[in-house]
Amino acid sequence: MQVIVLVEIFLIAVSLALDAFAVSVSSGISIPGFGGRQAVKMGLWFGGFQFAMPLIGWLLGTSVSQYIEAVDHWVAFALLAIIGGRMVWGALRHGAGEEEEAPPDLSARRLCLLAIATSIDALAVGVSMAFMNVPVLLSAVVIGVVAFVLSVVGGLAGRRLGALFQRRAELVGGLVLVGIGVKILVEHTMGG
């Protein structure tokens, strides 16, 4: 296998994992008690989905690619906007003296939604791999490992930042998630 192909796969993996990295930073900031175990848990979810999505996309091939590419950015935006919006709403309500809801957590439901939202692009990449001469399994492994590593690093970095922000951590984390959703939507609708 050519070194150039490996470098291309790695660069694709990094670009796909950047949203997962940013969401991990946001979670590390906003989730009380976030630590190494939670960072690894988040990394496993994000890395697992980033591994699986290209394989699923590749299997789907050309039959449904136009439908996936037509809505992937809307799904990612909606999931991130809902989760981030709830965090912002909770932070603003708490700041206004209203009764506090439970802080954001790393429940399986939340992690699944975040993992889907940050890995939909990997599904589209998998569809495109059906038309390219690349080793799909190796690509999926590299994409998953890179997402895992960047998610763990992002979560731990966010934990450090969260200690600085204290009371505003949930608000900042929610705004970051909404911002990532908007970025995904703008990139895809404005010609990305």
Protein backbone atom coordinates (compact mmCIF):
# COMPACT_ATOMS: atom_id res chain seq x y z
CA MET A 1 0.00 0.00 0.00
CA GLN A 2 1.28 3.42 -0.85
CA VAL A 3 2.31 5.79 1.88
CA ILE A 4 0.29 8.53 0.17
CA VAL A 5 -2.91 6.52 0.60
CA LEU A 6 -2.18 6.03 4.30
CA VAL A 7 -1.54 9.74 4.75
CA GLU A 8 -4.81 10.53 2.95
CA ILE A 9 -6.73 8.10 5.18
CA PHE A 10 -5.16 9.67 8.27
CA LEU A 11 -6.04 13.20 7.13
CA ILE A 12 -9.63 12.12 6.42
CA ALA A 13 -9.75 10.54 9.88
CA VAL A 14 -8.54 13.72 11.55
CA SER A 15 -11.01 15.90 9.66
CA LEU A 16 -13.88 13.55 10.56
CA ALA A 17 -12.83 13.49 14.23
CA LEU A 18 -12.68 17.27 14.72
CA ASP A 19 -16.38 17.54 15.54
CA ALA A 20 -16.04 14.69 18.05
CA PHE A 21 -13.02 16.47 19.55
CA ALA A 22 -14.97 19.71 19.94
CA VAL A 23 -17.98 17.93 21.47
CA SER A 24 -15.62 16.14 23.88
CA VAL A 25 -14.09 19.45 24.93
CA SER A 26 -17.58 20.81 25.50
CA SER A 27 -18.53 17.78 27.59
CA GLY A 28 -15.35 18.00 29.63
CA ILE A 29 -16.18 21.63 30.36
CA SER A 30 -19.81 21.19 31.27
CA ILE A 31 -20.18 17.80 32.97
CA PRO A 32 -19.45 17.89 36.70
CA GLY A 33 -16.91 15.32 37.82
CA PHE A 34 -15.71 14.63 34.29
CA GLY A 35 -12.46 12.67 34.43
CA GLY A 36 -10.36 10.03 32.74
CA ARG A 37 -13.01 7.29 32.90
CA GLN A 38 -15.60 9.55 31.31
CA ALA A 39 -13.12 10.66 28.63
CA VAL A 40 -12.40 7.03 27.72
CA LYS A 41 -16.14 6.21 27.76
CA MET A 42 -16.82 9.11 25.39
CA GLY A 43 -13.84 8.11 23.24
CA LEU A 44 -15.16 4.55 22.93
CA TRP A 45 -18.60 5.76 21.83
CA PHE A 46 -17.26 8.30 19.36
CA GLY A 47 -14.50 6.02 18.08
CA GLY A 48 -16.93 3.10 17.75
CA PHE A 49 -19.40 5.12 15.73
CA GLN A 50 -16.65 6.67 13.61
CA PHE A 51 -15.42 3.13 12.91
CA ALA A 52 -18.85 1.72 12.08
CA MET A 53 -20.25 4.55 9.97
CA PRO A 54 -17.79 4.29 7.06
CA LEU A 55 -18.42 0.54 6.91
CA ILE A 56 -22.18 1.08 6.88
CA GLY A 57 -21.80 3.80 4.25
CA TRP A 58 -19.63 1.56 2.12
CA LEU A 59 -22.22 -1.22 2.35
CA LEU A 60 -24.99 1.14 1.35
CA GLY A 61 -22.93 2.17 -1.67
CA THR A 62 -24.65 4.08 -4.40
CA SER A 63 -28.21 2.94 -3.78
CA VAL A 64 -29.01 5.51 -1.11
CA SER A 65 -26.02 7.88 -1.16
CA GLN A 66 -27.96 10.80 -2.59
CA TYR A 67 -30.50 10.54 0.23
CA ILE A 68 -27.88 10.35 2.98
CA GLU A 69 -25.91 13.29 1.60
CA ALA A 70 -29.11 15.31 1.22
CA VAL A 71 -29.99 15.18 4.93
CA ASP A 72 -26.83 14.30 6.90
CA HIS A 73 -26.07 17.90 7.82
CA TRP A 74 -29.67 18.54 8.92
CA VAL A 75 -29.65 15.50 11.22
CA ALA A 76 -26.31 16.47 12.76
CA PHE A 77 -27.45 20.08 13.21
CA ALA A 78 -30.75 19.07 14.82
CA LEU A 79 -29.17 16.66 17.29
CA LEU A 80 -26.43 19.09 18.34
CA ALA A 81 -28.80 22.06 18.50
CA ILE A 82 -31.26 20.16 20.71
CA ILE A 83 -28.60 18.87 23.10
CA GLY A 84 -26.72 22.20 23.17
CA GLY A 85 -29.92 24.21 23.40
CA ARG A 86 -31.04 22.23 26.42
CA MET A 87 -27.68 22.87 28.08
CA VAL A 88 -27.93 26.62 27.39
CA TRP A 89 -31.53 26.70 28.62
CA GLY A 90 -30.56 24.85 31.81
CA ALA A 91 -27.64 27.20 32.46
CA LEU A 92 -29.78 30.31 31.91
CA ARG A 93 -32.61 28.98 34.10
CA HIS A 94 -30.15 28.17 36.87
CA GLY A 95 -28.56 31.61 36.54
CA ALA A 96 -32.01 33.21 36.85
CA GLY A 97 -32.57 31.44 40.17
CA GLU A 98 -34.97 28.81 38.87
CA GLU A 99 -34.88 25.27 40.12
CA GLU A 100 -31.88 23.46 38.75
CA GLU A 101 -32.32 20.43 36.50
CA ALA A 102 -29.92 17.55 36.71
CA PRO A 103 -26.56 18.53 35.19
CA PRO A 104 -25.63 17.06 31.82
CA ASP A 105 -24.34 13.53 32.07
CA LEU A 106 -22.81 10.80 29.98
CA SER A 107 -25.82 8.52 29.79
CA ALA A 108 -25.92 5.98 26.99
CA ARG A 109 -28.76 7.93 25.35
CA ARG A 110 -26.82 11.20 25.36
CA LEU A 111 -23.60 9.55 24.17
CA CYS A 112 -25.45 7.74 21.39
CA LEU A 113 -27.05 10.97 20.14
CA LEU A 114 -23.73 12.82 20.24
CA ALA A 115 -21.92 9.93 18.54
CA ILE A 116 -24.49 9.84 15.74
CA ALA A 117 -24.37 13.61 15.30
CA THR A 118 -20.59 13.66 15.06
CA SER A 119 -20.25 10.61 12.80
CA ILE A 120 -22.82 11.17 10.07
CA ASP A 121 -20.11 12.64 7.85
CA ALA A 122 -18.21 9.37 8.26
CA LEU A 123 -21.24 7.57 6.82
CA ALA A 124 -21.09 9.78 3.73
CA VAL A 125 -17.34 9.18 3.45
CA GLY A 126 -18.02 5.44 3.57
CA VAL A 127 -20.47 5.80 0.68
CA SER A 128 -17.81 7.60 -1.34
CA MET A 129 -15.29 4.85 -0.51
CA ALA A 130 -17.50 2.44 -2.44
CA PHE A 131 -16.35 4.26 -5.59
CA MET A 132 -12.67 4.58 -4.67
CA ASN A 133 -9.87 2.07 -4.57
CA VAL A 134 -9.16 2.28 -0.83
CA PRO A 135 -9.02 -0.44 1.82
CA VAL A 136 -12.33 0.14 3.59
CA LEU A 137 -11.65 -1.87 6.75
CA LEU A 138 -8.24 -0.26 7.31
CA SER A 139 -9.79 3.17 6.67
CA ALA A 140 -12.55 2.49 9.20
CA VAL A 141 -10.04 1.33 11.82
CA VAL A 142 -7.87 4.43 11.36
CA ILE A 143 -10.94 6.70 11.47
CA GLY A 144 -12.18 5.01 14.66
CA VAL A 145 -8.81 5.09 16.43
CA VAL A 146 -8.20 8.75 15.57
CA ALA A 147 -11.71 9.68 16.78
CA PHE A 148 -11.10 7.75 20.02
CA VAL A 149 -7.78 9.47 20.71
CA LEU A 150 -9.01 12.97 19.86
CA SER A 151 -12.17 12.47 21.92
CA VAL A 152 -10.22 11.41 25.00
CA VAL A 153 -7.76 14.29 24.60
CA GLY A 154 -10.63 16.73 24.00
CA GLY A 155 -12.55 15.56 27.06
CA LEU A 156 -9.52 15.90 29.31
CA ALA A 157 -8.70 19.34 27.87
CA GLY A 158 -12.31 20.37 28.47
CA ARG A 159 -12.09 19.21 32.07
CA ARG A 160 -9.17 21.59 32.59
CA LEU A 161 -11.10 24.43 30.96
CA GLY A 162 -14.20 23.59 32.99
CA ALA A 163 -12.28 24.18 36.19
CA LEU A 164 -11.63 27.73 34.97
CA PHE A 165 -15.22 28.49 33.93
CA GLN A 166 -17.03 26.92 36.91
CA ARG A 167 -20.59 28.37 36.86
CA ARG A 168 -20.62 29.24 33.17
CA ALA A 169 -19.35 25.83 32.07
CA GLU A 170 -22.75 24.42 31.06
CA LEU A 171 -23.63 27.59 29.14
CA VAL A 172 -20.30 27.55 27.28
CA GLY A 173 -20.59 23.82 26.58
CA GLY A 174 -24.12 24.23 25.20
CA LEU A 175 -23.13 27.15 23.00
CA VAL A 176 -20.21 25.15 21.63
CA LEU A 177 -22.53 22.26 20.68
CA VAL A 178 -25.00 24.60 18.98
CA GLY A 179 -22.08 26.30 17.21
CA ILE A 180 -20.77 22.97 15.91
CA GLY A 181 -24.26 22.14 14.62
CA VAL A 182 -24.51 25.50 12.84
CA LYS A 183 -21.01 25.01 11.36
CA ILE A 184 -21.98 21.61 9.96
CA LEU A 185 -25.19 23.04 8.51
CA VAL A 186 -23.47 26.06 6.94
CA GLU A 187 -20.64 23.97 5.46
CA HIS A 188 -23.08 21.64 3.77
CA THR A 189 -25.63 24.18 2.60
CA MET A 190 -23.19 26.83 1.40
CA GLY A 191 -21.17 24.55 -0.80
CA GLY A 192 -19.12 22.33 1.54
